[in-house]
């Protein structure tokens, strides 16, 4: 027997949906995405966790998004790292500073299978990226090597870039770039070693190279330390004919003080 759905008016449907959501919240109240404490809405941080999460706000470096001392007077400013070694990309932003609860959240997404965190994190990234977003940008994640992707089962940067692109109404190409060989972990390496480690490791995907010509690209990654990986990805885009590359990361490792 074929049954037909009951047709409700739009207003009745909305009321029923709200009632259902309200009942669900009574049974399963929203919890802090970090510690599990009760909060007043989904995908939120509780007060203590919010205070331990350092958002990159106010005056920030126009190249990497790290917070800077002083007031934002509407002109581009750059941190010492970006002044000492100019970036191949034009502009960059970060949503968080990689310390305290921000670090814990990033590690939960990256190594703890907490893909649910991509939703609020993409919202934070969208707010941070507002000054560098413009129509026509194509969003793409920094790629993982296939063996690392096999072991981890997902590319956290691709989850962030996908949701960000939807929120911003921009084109998204999840496999625009690829890592042609595996690289060692960047952790514990000097700045020079980090750049050497990823030199030539990232290239345009052979089936996507034509999409780079003349396009402006927004590269998305989870964490920026030295910027070596993003520099390698940027250079791959520019060598393939991209008109411009901007970068956006979830968290920036910032120097103390």
Protein backbone atom coordinates (compact mmCIF):
# COMPACT_ATOMS: atom_id res chain seq x y z
CA UNK A 1 0.00 0.00 0.00
CA UNK A 2 1.27 3.41 -0.95
CA UNK A 3 0.71 6.07 1.62
CA UNK A 4 0.87 9.79 1.07
CA UNK A 5 2.36 12.20 3.60
CA UNK A 6 -0.13 14.32 5.49
CA UNK A 7 0.05 17.88 4.24
CA UNK A 8 0.28 20.49 6.97
CA UNK A 9 0.31 24.21 6.58
CA UNK A 10 3.68 25.88 6.80
CA UNK A 11 2.84 27.57 10.10
CA UNK A 12 1.67 24.30 11.69
CA UNK A 13 4.79 22.51 10.50
CA UNK A 14 7.00 25.15 12.09
CA UNK A 15 5.10 24.95 15.40
CA UNK A 16 5.33 21.15 15.45
CA UNK A 17 9.05 21.32 14.70
CA UNK A 18 9.64 23.80 17.52
CA UNK A 19 7.63 21.63 19.93
CA UNK A 20 9.65 18.57 18.92
CA UNK A 21 12.93 20.40 19.40
CA UNK A 22 11.82 21.73 22.77
CA UNK A 23 10.87 18.23 23.94
CA UNK A 24 14.20 16.85 22.72
CA UNK A 25 16.10 19.52 24.65
CA UNK A 26 14.23 18.55 27.82
CA UNK A 27 15.41 14.96 27.42
CA UNK A 28 18.86 15.78 26.05
CA UNK A 29 19.79 19.30 27.20
CA UNK A 30 22.54 21.08 25.21
CA UNK A 31 26.05 20.50 26.53
CA UNK A 32 29.25 22.51 26.30
CA UNK A 33 31.23 21.25 23.32
CA UNK A 34 34.37 21.21 25.44
CA UNK A 35 33.57 19.97 28.96
CA UNK A 36 29.99 18.69 28.70
CA UNK A 37 28.47 21.15 31.17
CA UNK A 38 24.90 22.24 30.51
CA UNK A 39 24.52 25.30 28.28
CA UNK A 40 21.54 27.20 26.89
CA UNK A 41 22.01 26.34 23.21
CA UNK A 42 23.53 23.71 20.96
CA UNK A 43 27.20 23.82 19.93
CA UNK A 44 28.13 26.42 22.54
CA UNK A 45 30.85 26.81 25.16
CA UNK A 46 30.08 27.21 28.84
CA UNK A 47 31.36 30.31 30.63
CA UNK A 48 34.57 28.81 32.06
CA UNK A 49 35.50 27.13 28.77
CA UNK A 50 34.75 30.33 26.86
CA UNK A 51 37.13 32.26 29.10
CA UNK A 52 39.86 29.70 28.42
CA UNK A 53 39.32 29.87 24.64
CA UNK A 54 41.35 32.72 23.17
CA UNK A 55 39.75 34.08 20.00
CA UNK A 56 41.87 36.10 17.60
CA UNK A 57 39.99 39.38 17.82
CA UNK A 58 40.79 43.07 17.70
CA UNK A 59 44.00 44.05 15.96
CA UNK A 60 45.45 41.03 14.16
CA UNK A 61 48.22 40.41 11.65
CA UNK A 62 46.89 40.75 8.10
CA UNK A 63 49.20 37.95 6.99
CA UNK A 64 48.45 35.20 9.50
CA UNK A 65 45.78 36.41 11.92
CA UNK A 66 47.85 36.35 15.10
CA UNK A 67 46.67 38.96 17.65
CA UNK A 68 48.74 42.14 17.89
CA UNK A 69 48.99 44.78 20.62
CA UNK A 70 47.21 48.05 20.02
CA UNK A 71 43.95 49.17 18.50
CA UNK A 72 42.61 48.28 15.07
CA UNK A 73 42.77 51.55 13.11
CA UNK A 74 41.61 50.05 9.82
CA UNK A 75 44.99 49.63 8.13
CA UNK A 76 46.88 46.35 7.55
CA UNK A 77 49.44 45.45 10.22
CA UNK A 78 51.84 42.53 10.27
CA UNK A 79 53.50 40.46 13.00
CA UNK A 80 57.26 40.03 13.29
CA UNK A 81 57.16 36.59 11.64
CA UNK A 82 55.36 37.89 8.56
CA UNK A 83 57.66 40.91 8.34
CA UNK A 84 60.79 38.76 8.67
CA UNK A 85 59.69 36.24 6.04
CA UNK A 86 57.00 37.61 3.71
CA UNK A 87 54.32 35.06 2.90
CA UNK A 88 53.52 33.85 -0.64
CA UNK A 89 49.84 34.39 0.08
CA UNK A 90 48.32 37.88 0.22
CA UNK A 91 46.18 37.86 3.37
CA UNK A 92 45.39 35.48 6.21
CA UNK A 93 43.25 35.06 9.29
CA UNK A 94 42.90 32.74 12.28
CA UNK A 95 39.89 32.09 14.49
CA UNK A 96 41.72 31.00 17.66
CA UNK A 97 45.05 31.21 19.41
CA UNK A 98 46.49 27.72 19.84
CA UNK A 99 46.67 27.51 23.61
CA UNK A 100 44.59 26.43 26.61
CA UNK A 101 41.08 25.35 25.62
CA UNK A 102 41.63 26.34 21.99
CA UNK A 103 44.44 23.80 21.79
CA UNK A 104 42.31 21.12 23.45
CA UNK A 105 39.48 21.69 20.99
CA UNK A 106 41.79 21.53 17.98
CA UNK A 107 43.30 18.25 19.20
CA UNK A 108 39.83 16.83 19.85
CA UNK A 109 38.87 17.56 16.25
CA UNK A 110 42.16 16.36 14.83
CA UNK A 111 42.79 13.21 16.82
CA UNK A 112 39.67 12.58 18.89
CA UNK A 113 37.08 11.91 16.17
CA UNK A 114 35.12 14.98 17.30
CA UNK A 115 33.82 15.88 13.86
CA UNK A 116 30.82 17.52 15.53
CA UNK A 117 33.20 20.35 16.44
CA UNK A 118 33.56 21.32 12.78
CA UNK A 119 30.15 23.02 12.93
CA UNK A 120 30.90 25.66 15.61
CA UNK A 121 34.53 25.94 14.49
CA UNK A 122 33.48 26.82 10.95
CA UNK A 123 31.22 29.52 12.39
CA UNK A 124 34.18 30.97 14.32
CA UNK A 125 36.34 30.83 11.20
CA UNK A 126 33.69 32.59 9.13
CA UNK A 127 33.61 35.51 11.56
CA UNK A 128 37.40 35.74 11.62
CA UNK A 129 37.62 35.56 7.82
CA UNK A 130 35.07 38.30 7.13
CA UNK A 131 37.70 40.94 6.22
CA UNK A 132 39.37 38.69 3.62
CA UNK A 133 36.31 37.06 2.04
CA UNK A 134 35.04 38.24 -1.32
CA UNK A 135 32.82 36.85 -4.08
CA UNK A 136 34.52 34.46 -6.47
CA UNK A 137 36.91 32.86 -4.00
CA UNK A 138 37.28 29.10 -4.29
CA UNK A 139 37.79 27.34 -0.96
CA UNK A 140 40.12 24.35 -0.68
CA UNK A 141 41.66 22.44 2.25
CA UNK A 142 45.31 21.69 2.78
CA UNK A 143 45.57 18.00 1.83
CA UNK A 144 46.69 14.98 3.80
CA UNK A 145 48.79 12.24 2.23
CA UNK A 146 46.66 9.20 1.37
CA UNK A 147 48.32 6.99 3.98
CA UNK A 148 47.75 9.52 6.76
CA UNK A 149 44.18 9.95 5.56
CA UNK A 150 43.75 6.16 5.66
CA UNK A 151 45.00 5.99 9.26
CA UNK A 152 43.05 9.03 10.49
CA UNK A 153 39.97 8.28 8.33
CA UNK A 154 39.24 11.94 7.66
CA UNK A 155 40.90 15.25 6.82
CA UNK A 156 39.82 17.69 9.51
CA UNK A 157 40.75 20.65 7.28
CA UNK A 158 38.42 19.37 4.57
CA UNK A 159 35.52 19.18 7.03
CA UNK A 160 36.20 22.76 8.10
CA UNK A 161 36.57 24.05 4.53
CA UNK A 162 33.41 22.30 3.35
CA UNK A 163 31.21 23.83 6.02
CA UNK A 164 32.88 27.21 5.72
CA UNK A 165 32.27 27.30 1.97
CA UNK A 166 28.58 26.51 2.49
CA UNK A 167 28.22 29.22 5.11
CA UNK A 168 29.98 31.79 2.95
CA UNK A 169 28.28 30.77 -0.31
CA UNK A 170 31.60 30.06 -2.02
CA UNK A 171 32.78 27.30 -4.36
CA UNK A 172 34.52 24.41 -2.65
CA UNK A 173 37.02 21.97 -4.15
CA UNK A 174 38.04 19.37 -1.54
CA UNK A 175 40.67 17.73 -3.75
CA UNK A 176 42.15 20.77 -5.43
CA UNK A 177 45.60 19.85 -4.08
CA UNK A 178 47.30 16.60 -3.13
CA UNK A 179 50.40 15.48 -1.27
CA UNK A 180 52.48 13.47 -3.69
CA UNK A 181 54.61 11.94 -0.94
CA UNK A 182 54.30 11.48 2.80
CA UNK A 183 56.11 13.96 5.03
CA UNK A 184 57.32 13.52 8.58
CA UNK A 185 55.51 15.28 11.39
CA UNK A 186 56.35 18.96 11.73
CA UNK A 187 56.22 18.80 15.53
CA UNK A 188 59.49 19.65 17.22
CA UNK A 189 61.21 20.81 14.04
CA UNK A 190 62.95 24.15 13.58
CA UNK A 191 61.47 26.73 11.23
CA UNK A 192 64.02 25.90 8.52
CA UNK A 193 63.42 22.16 8.91
CA UNK A 194 59.67 22.67 8.64
CA UNK A 195 60.01 24.40 5.28
CA UNK A 196 62.48 21.79 4.02
CA UNK A 197 60.21 18.96 5.16
CA UNK A 198 57.30 20.07 2.94
CA UNK A 199 59.30 21.47 0.03
CA UNK A 200 57.65 20.17 -3.16
CA UNK A 201 55.34 17.85 -1.25
CA UNK A 202 52.08 19.53 -2.34
CA UNK A 203 50.98 19.79 -5.96
CA UNK A 204 47.73 20.56 -7.81
CA UNK A 205 45.57 17.51 -8.35
CA UNK A 206 46.10 16.50 -12.02
CA UNK A 207 42.34 16.48 -12.63
CA UNK A 208 41.80 19.87 -10.95
CA UNK A 209 44.72 21.92 -12.30
CA UNK A 210 42.52 23.66 -14.89
CA UNK A 211 40.32 25.01 -12.08
CA UNK A 212 43.24 26.98 -10.65
CA UNK A 213 44.03 29.14 -13.66
CA UNK A 214 43.02 32.72 -12.96
CA UNK A 215 41.14 31.83 -9.76
CA UNK A 216 41.46 33.39 -6.34
CA UNK A 217 41.88 30.66 -3.73
CA UNK A 218 41.16 30.51 -0.01
CA UNK A 219 43.25 27.74 1.58
CA UNK A 220 41.94 26.30 4.85
CA UNK A 221 43.97 24.43 7.48
CA UNK A 222 43.55 23.58 11.15
CA UNK A 223 46.75 25.01 12.67
CA UNK A 224 49.49 27.39 11.53
CA UNK A 225 52.85 27.35 13.28
CA UNK A 226 55.63 28.46 10.94
CA UNK A 227 53.34 28.61 7.90
CA UNK A 228 55.54 26.15 5.97
CA UNK A 229 52.70 23.83 4.93
CA UNK A 230 50.47 26.71 3.85
CA UNK A 231 53.39 28.23 1.95
CA UNK A 232 53.94 24.97 0.06
CA UNK A 233 50.22 24.75 -0.77
CA UNK A 234 50.14 28.40 -1.83
CA UNK A 235 53.14 27.98 -4.12
CA UNK A 236 51.48 24.96 -5.73
CA UNK A 237 48.40 27.08 -6.49
CA UNK A 238 50.42 30.00 -7.86
CA UNK A 239 52.59 27.76 -10.04
CA UNK A 240 49.38 26.40 -11.58
CA UNK A 241 48.20 29.90 -12.45
CA UNK A 242 46.07 30.98 -9.50
CA UNK A 243 45.56 34.74 -9.49
CA UNK A 244 45.80 35.06 -5.69
CA UNK A 245 45.85 32.92 -2.57
CA UNK A 246 44.51 33.83 0.87
CA UNK A 247 44.65 31.57 3.91
CA UNK A 248 42.40 30.82 6.87
CA UNK A 249 43.25 28.61 9.82
CA UNK A 250 41.31 27.46 12.83
CA UNK A 251 44.18 28.22 15.23
CA UNK A 252 47.46 30.13 15.11
CA UNK A 253 50.40 29.22 17.30
CA UNK A 254 51.35 32.61 18.74
CA UNK A 255 54.44 33.62 20.66
CA UNK A 256 53.91 34.35 24.33
CA UNK A 257 53.95 38.01 25.26
